[in-house]
Amino acid sequence: MSPWFRYYWFNTSTLMSLIAAVILPILAAYESYQHDTASLQ
């Protein structure tokens, strides 16, 4: 495995974990928000 590939793979996995850490709580909050508005009506 060449160094640039390892570097690229490391960056991609780091980016994926950052994206997951940002998107997953937003999705969870959006889901609960939709349930709240549905139960209010």
PDB file of N, CA and C in Angstrom:
ATOM      1  N   MET A   1       0.864  -1.196   0.000  1.00  0.00           N
ATOM      2  CA  MET A   1       0.000   0.000   0.000  1.00  0.00           C
ATOM      3  C   MET A   1       0.900   1.247   0.000  1.00  0.00           C
ATOM      4  N   SER A   2       0.666   2.098  -0.946  1.00  0.00           N
ATOM      5  CA  SER A   2       1.516   3.288  -1.048  1.00  0.00           C
ATOM      6  C   SER A   2       1.117   4.344  -0.015  1.00  0.00           C
ATOM      7  N   PRO A   3       2.063   5.184   0.374  1.00  0.00           N
ATOM      8  CA  PRO A   3       1.780   6.183   1.430  1.00  0.00           C
ATOM      9  C   PRO A   3       0.627   7.110   1.083  1.00  0.00           C
ATOM     10  N   TRP A   4       0.525   7.546  -0.174  1.00  0.00           N
ATOM     11  CA  TRP A   4      -0.543   8.496  -0.511  1.00  0.00           C
ATOM     12  C   TRP A   4      -1.910   7.844  -0.384  1.00  0.00           C
ATOM     13  N   PHE A   5      -1.951   6.539  -0.683  1.00  0.00           N
ATOM     14  CA  PHE A   5      -3.227   5.830  -0.539  1.00  0.00           C
ATOM     15  C   PHE A   5      -3.612   5.713   0.931  1.00  0.00           C
ATOM     16  N   ARG A   6      -2.612   5.405   1.768  1.00  0.00           N
ATOM     17  CA  ARG A   6      -2.883   5.306   3.202  1.00  0.00           C
ATOM     18  C   ARG A   6      -3.328   6.666   3.744  1.00  0.00           C
ATOM     19  N   TYR A   7      -2.666   7.731   3.285  1.00  0.00           N
ATOM     20  CA  TYR A   7      -3.015   9.084   3.724  1.00  0.00           C
ATOM     21  C   TYR A   7      -4.434   9.432   3.286  1.00  0.00           C
ATOM     22  N   TYR A   8      -4.769   9.081   2.034  1.00  0.00           N
ATOM     23  CA  TYR A   8      -6.104   9.372   1.511  1.00  0.00           C
ATOM     24  C   TYR A   8      -7.153   8.582   2.268  1.00  0.00           C
ATOM     25  N   TRP A   9      -6.855   7.314   2.556  1.00  0.00           N
ATOM     26  CA  TRP A   9      -7.812   6.471   3.280  1.00  0.00           C
ATOM     27  C   TRP A   9      -8.031   7.007   4.690  1.00  0.00           C
ATOM     28  N   PHE A  10      -6.936   7.442   5.330  1.00  0.00           N
ATOM     29  CA  PHE A  10      -7.055   7.995   6.686  1.00  0.00           C
ATOM     30  C   PHE A  10      -7.912   9.251   6.669  1.00  0.00           C
ATOM     31  N   ASN A  11      -7.687  10.119   5.668  1.00  0.00           N
ATOM     32  CA  ASN A  11      -8.479  11.346   5.574  1.00  0.00           C
ATOM     33  C   ASN A  11      -9.941  11.038   5.312  1.00  0.00           C
ATOM     34  N   THR A  12     -10.204  10.050   4.453  1.00  0.00           N
ATOM     35  CA  THR A  12     -11.589   9.708   4.130  1.00  0.00           C
ATOM     36  C   THR A  12     -12.314   9.168   5.356  1.00  0.00           C
ATOM     37  N   SER A  13     -11.663   8.272   6.098  1.00  0.00           N
ATOM     38  CA  SER A  13     -12.317   7.709   7.281  1.00  0.00           C
ATOM     39  C   SER A  13     -12.527   8.781   8.347  1.00  0.00           C
ATOM     40  N   THR A  14     -11.574   9.694   8.488  1.00  0.00           N
ATOM     41  CA  THR A  14     -11.738  10.788   9.447  1.00  0.00           C
ATOM     42  C   THR A  14     -12.896  11.682   9.029  1.00  0.00           C
ATOM     43  N   LEU A  15     -12.959  11.971   7.731  1.00  0.00           N
ATOM     44  CA  LEU A  15     -14.042  12.801   7.212  1.00  0.00           C
ATOM     45  C   LEU A  15     -15.388  12.122   7.421  1.00  0.00           C
ATOM     46  N   MET A  16     -15.442  10.816   7.172  1.00  0.00           N
ATOM     47  CA  MET A  16     -16.692  10.073   7.352  1.00  0.00           C
ATOM     48  C   MET A  16     -17.141  10.115   8.814  1.00  0.00           C
ATOM     49  N   SER A  17     -16.217   9.944   9.741  1.00  0.00           N
ATOM     50  CA  SER A  17     -16.604   9.975  11.152  1.00  0.00           C
ATOM     51  C   SER A  17     -17.041  11.368  11.574  1.00  0.00           C
ATOM     52  N   LEU A  18     -16.402  12.393  11.016  1.00  0.00           N
ATOM     53  CA  LEU A  18     -16.825  13.765  11.315  1.00  0.00           C
ATOM     54  C   LEU A  18     -18.230  14.013  10.780  1.00  0.00           C
ATOM     55  N   ILE A  19     -18.473  13.568   9.541  1.00  0.00           N
ATOM     56  CA  ILE A  19     -19.794  13.748   8.930  1.00  0.00           C
ATOM     57  C   ILE A  19     -20.848  12.992   9.734  1.00  0.00           C
ATOM     58  N   ALA A  20     -20.528  11.768  10.149  1.00  0.00           N
ATOM     59  CA  ALA A  20     -21.470  10.985  10.943  1.00  0.00           C
ATOM     60  C   ALA A  20     -21.739  11.667  12.283  1.00  0.00           C
ATOM     61  N   ALA A  21     -20.691  12.209  12.898  1.00  0.00           N
ATOM     62  CA  ALA A  21     -20.850  12.864  14.194  1.00  0.00           C
ATOM     63  C   ALA A  21     -21.720  14.109  14.077  1.00  0.00           C
ATOM     64  N   VAL A  22     -21.738  14.731  12.901  1.00  0.00           N
ATOM     65  CA  VAL A  22     -22.554  15.936  12.706  1.00  0.00           C
ATOM     66  C   VAL A  22     -23.968  15.565  12.264  1.00  0.00           C
ATOM     67  N   ILE A  23     -24.071  14.649  11.306  1.00  0.00           N
ATOM     68  CA  ILE A  23     -25.370  14.377  10.676  1.00  0.00           C
ATOM     69  C   ILE A  23     -26.282  13.526  11.572  1.00  0.00           C
ATOM     70  N   LEU A  24     -25.728  12.531  12.246  1.00  0.00           N
ATOM     71  CA  LEU A  24     -26.570  11.621  13.026  1.00  0.00           C
ATOM     72  C   LEU A  24     -27.370  12.328  14.117  1.00  0.00           C
ATOM     73  N   PRO A  25     -26.770  13.198  14.944  1.00  0.00           N
ATOM     74  CA  PRO A  25     -27.583  13.921  15.937  1.00  0.00           C
ATOM     75  C   PRO A  25     -28.627  14.825  15.293  1.00  0.00           C
ATOM     76  N   ILE A  26     -28.302  15.426  14.141  1.00  0.00           N
ATOM     77  CA  ILE A  26     -29.265  16.280  13.449  1.00  0.00           C
ATOM     78  C   ILE A  26     -30.447  15.449  12.969  1.00  0.00           C
ATOM     79  N   LEU A  27     -30.160  14.277  12.407  1.00  0.00           N
ATOM     80  CA  LEU A  27     -31.229  13.397  11.956  1.00  0.00           C
ATOM     81  C   LEU A  27     -32.094  12.949  13.130  1.00  0.00           C
ATOM     82  N   ALA A  28     -31.475  12.614  14.242  1.00  0.00           N
ATOM     83  CA  ALA A  28     -32.222  12.176  15.420  1.00  0.00           C
ATOM     84  C   ALA A  28     -33.106  13.305  15.945  1.00  0.00           C
ATOM     85  N   ALA A  29     -32.564  14.516  15.988  1.00  0.00           N
ATOM     86  CA  ALA A  29     -33.343  15.659  16.457  1.00  0.00           C
ATOM     87  C   ALA A  29     -34.494  15.953  15.496  1.00  0.00           C
ATOM     88  N   TYR A  30     -34.243  15.794  14.191  1.00  0.00           N
ATOM     89  CA  TYR A  30     -35.284  16.026  13.191  1.00  0.00           C
ATOM     90  C   TYR A  30     -36.405  15.003  13.325  1.00  0.00           C
ATOM     91  N   GLU A  31     -36.034  13.756  13.570  1.00  0.00           N
ATOM     92  CA  GLU A  31     -37.041  12.714  13.752  1.00  0.00           C
ATOM     93  C   GLU A  31     -37.917  13.018  14.971  1.00  0.00           C
ATOM     94  N   SER A  32     -37.295  13.338  16.101  1.00  0.00           N
ATOM     95  CA  SER A  32     -38.068  13.611  17.315  1.00  0.00           C
ATOM     96  C   SER A  32     -38.896  14.880  17.142  1.00  0.00           C
ATOM     97  N   TYR A  33     -38.384  15.852  16.389  1.00  0.00           N
ATOM     98  CA  TYR A  33     -39.133  17.078  16.132  1.00  0.00           C
ATOM     99  C   TYR A  33     -40.382  16.766  15.316  1.00  0.00           C
ATOM    100  N   GLN A  34     -40.249  15.905  14.324  1.00  0.00           N
ATOM    101  CA  GLN A  34     -41.413  15.536  13.516  1.00  0.00           C
ATOM    102  C   GLN A  34     -42.438  14.793  14.370  1.00  0.00           C
ATOM    103  N   HIS A  35     -41.966  13.916  15.266  1.00  0.00           N
ATOM    104  CA  HIS A  35     -42.890  13.198  16.136  1.00  0.00           C
ATOM    105  C   HIS A  35     -43.606  14.173  17.068  1.00  0.00           C
ATOM    106  N   ASP A  36     -42.900  15.194  17.539  1.00  0.00           N
ATOM    107  CA  ASP A  36     -43.505  16.179  18.430  1.00  0.00           C
ATOM    108  C   ASP A  36     -44.602  16.958  17.709  1.00  0.00           C
ATOM    109  N   THR A  37     -44.315  17.406  16.493  1.00  0.00           N
ATOM    110  CA  THR A  37     -45.309  18.182  15.758  1.00  0.00           C
ATOM    111  C   THR A  37     -46.495  17.311  15.371  1.00  0.00           C
ATOM    112  N   ALA A  38     -46.258  16.032  15.106  1.00  0.00           N
ATOM    113  CA  ALA A  38     -47.347  15.125  14.743  1.00  0.00           C
ATOM    114  C   ALA A  38     -48.244  14.870  15.960  1.00  0.00           C
ATOM    115  N   SER A  39     -47.647  14.781  17.155  1.00  0.00           N
ATOM    116  CA  SER A  39     -48.445  14.513  18.349  1.00  0.00           C
ATOM    117  C   SER A  39     -49.193  15.769  18.796  1.00  0.00           C
ATOM    118  N   LEU A  40     -48.702  16.950  18.428  1.00  0.00           N
ATOM    119  CA  LEU A  40     -49.374  18.190  18.813  1.00  0.00           C
ATOM    120  C   LEU A  40     -50.679  18.375  18.048  1.00  0.00           C
ATOM    121  N   GLN A  41     -50.676  17.950  16.796  1.00  0.00           N
ATOM    122  CA  GLN A  41     -51.855  18.200  15.972  1.00  0.00           C
ATOM    123  C   GLN A  41     -52.989  17.238  16.288  1.00  0.00           C
TER     124      GLN A  41
END
